[in-house]
Amino acid sequence: MGTYRQYCPIARASEILAERWTPLIVRNLMFGADTFSALAKGLPAMSRSMLIKRLEQLERAGIID
């Protein structure tokens, strides 16, 4: 993942949330998707390996647990 190497909260949030697919994952989580299968079903064009990668990135960033 690219980085702005800044501590500005907006720049930091952009590094995390502006990655492709991430806003859609967060949206689905906010609308109640609570399993991997529910997330995958809500994003049919996204590969499962990419979903795993994005979920790992969100977890490392502390957005999800």
C-alpha atoms as a PDB file:
ATOM      1  CA  MET A   1       0.000   0.000   0.000  1.00  0.00           C
ATOM      2  CA  GLY A   2       1.321   3.462  -0.870  1.00  0.00           C
ATOM      3  CA  THR A   3       1.778   5.964   1.899  1.00  0.00           C
ATOM      4  CA  TYR A   4       1.856   9.722   2.224  1.00  0.00           C
ATOM      5  CA  ARG A   5       4.235   9.341   5.189  1.00  0.00           C
ATOM      6  CA  GLN A   6       2.351  12.029   7.061  1.00  0.00           C
ATOM      7  CA  TYR A   7       0.752  12.125  10.474  1.00  0.00           C
ATOM      8  CA  CYS A   8      -2.161  14.276   9.362  1.00  0.00           C
ATOM      9  CA  PRO A   9      -5.336  12.348  10.253  1.00  0.00           C
ATOM     10  CA  ILE A  10      -6.915  13.032   6.870  1.00  0.00           C
ATOM     11  CA  ALA A  11      -3.854  11.837   4.958  1.00  0.00           C
ATOM     12  CA  ARG A  12      -3.612   8.760   7.183  1.00  0.00           C
ATOM     13  CA  ALA A  13      -7.318   7.928   6.736  1.00  0.00           C
ATOM     14  CA  SER A  14      -6.939   8.363   2.970  1.00  0.00           C
ATOM     15  CA  GLU A  15      -4.107   5.830   2.930  1.00  0.00           C
ATOM     16  CA  ILE A  16      -6.385   3.279   4.550  1.00  0.00           C
ATOM     17  CA  LEU A  17      -9.818   4.019   3.120  1.00  0.00           C
ATOM     18  CA  ALA A  18      -8.963   5.104  -0.412  1.00  0.00           C
ATOM     19  CA  GLU A  19      -7.654   1.689  -1.481  1.00  0.00           C
ATOM     20  CA  ARG A  20      -9.761   0.042  -4.149  1.00  0.00           C
ATOM     21  CA  TRP A  21     -12.675  -1.956  -2.696  1.00  0.00           C
ATOM     22  CA  THR A  22     -12.101  -0.745   0.867  1.00  0.00           C
ATOM     23  CA  PRO A  23     -14.969   1.796   0.918  1.00  0.00           C
ATOM     24  CA  LEU A  24     -17.345  -0.911  -0.319  1.00  0.00           C
ATOM     25  CA  ILE A  25     -16.176  -3.335   2.349  1.00  0.00           C
ATOM     26  CA  VAL A  26     -16.661  -0.709   5.060  1.00  0.00           C
ATOM     27  CA  ARG A  27     -20.099   0.121   3.651  1.00  0.00           C
ATOM     28  CA  ASN A  28     -21.159  -3.518   3.756  1.00  0.00           C
ATOM     29  CA  LEU A  29     -19.880  -3.858   7.316  1.00  0.00           C
ATOM     30  CA  MET A  30     -21.856  -0.782   8.335  1.00  0.00           C
ATOM     31  CA  PHE A  31     -24.989  -2.257   6.721  1.00  0.00           C
ATOM     32  CA  GLY A  32     -24.678  -5.432   8.779  1.00  0.00           C
ATOM     33  CA  ALA A  33     -22.494  -7.902   6.877  1.00  0.00           C
ATOM     34  CA  ASP A  34     -20.919  -9.845   9.737  1.00  0.00           C
ATOM     35  CA  THR A  35     -19.369 -12.875   8.047  1.00  0.00           C
ATOM     36  CA  PHE A  36     -16.846 -13.404   5.298  1.00  0.00           C
ATOM     37  CA  SER A  37     -19.528 -15.025   3.147  1.00  0.00           C
ATOM     38  CA  ALA A  38     -21.862 -12.039   3.593  1.00  0.00           C
ATOM     39  CA  LEU A  39     -19.086  -9.658   2.567  1.00  0.00           C
ATOM     40  CA  ALA A  40     -18.174 -11.792  -0.462  1.00  0.00           C
ATOM     41  CA  LYS A  41     -21.824 -12.005  -1.504  1.00  0.00           C
ATOM     42  CA  GLY A  42     -22.140  -8.199  -1.320  1.00  0.00           C
ATOM     43  CA  LEU A  43     -19.078  -7.755  -3.546  1.00  0.00           C
ATOM     44  CA  PRO A  44     -19.503 -10.376  -6.287  1.00  0.00           C
ATOM     45  CA  ALA A  45     -16.933  -8.814  -8.639  1.00  0.00           C
ATOM     46  CA  MET A  46     -14.213  -8.859  -5.968  1.00  0.00           C
ATOM     47  CA  SER A  47     -11.980 -11.919  -5.722  1.00  0.00           C
ATOM     48  CA  ARG A  48     -11.895 -13.726  -2.400  1.00  0.00           C
ATOM     49  CA  SER A  49      -8.121 -13.310  -2.172  1.00  0.00           C
ATOM     50  CA  MET A  50      -8.474  -9.536  -2.578  1.00  0.00           C
ATOM     51  CA  LEU A  51     -11.199  -9.491   0.086  1.00  0.00           C
ATOM     52  CA  ILE A  52      -8.883 -11.335   2.473  1.00  0.00           C
ATOM     53  CA  LYS A  53      -6.069  -8.880   1.715  1.00  0.00           C
ATOM     54  CA  ARG A  54      -8.282  -5.823   2.315  1.00  0.00           C
ATOM     55  CA  LEU A  55      -9.698  -7.277   5.538  1.00  0.00           C
ATOM     56  CA  GLU A  56      -6.162  -7.920   6.797  1.00  0.00           C
ATOM     57  CA  GLN A  57      -5.200  -4.320   5.991  1.00  0.00           C
ATOM     58  CA  LEU A  58      -8.256  -2.979   7.824  1.00  0.00           C
ATOM     59  CA  GLU A  59      -7.445  -5.171  10.802  1.00  0.00           C
ATOM     60  CA  ARG A  60      -3.810  -4.019  10.932  1.00  0.00           C
ATOM     61  CA  ALA A  61      -5.013  -0.409  10.799  1.00  0.00           C
ATOM     62  CA  GLY A  62      -7.383  -1.046  13.707  1.00  0.00           C
ATOM     63  CA  ILE A  63     -10.529  -0.339  11.682  1.00  0.00           C
ATOM     64  CA  ILE A  64     -11.932  -3.845  12.301  1.00  0.00           C
ATOM     65  CA  ASP A  65     -11.094  -6.674  14.643  1.00  0.00           C
END
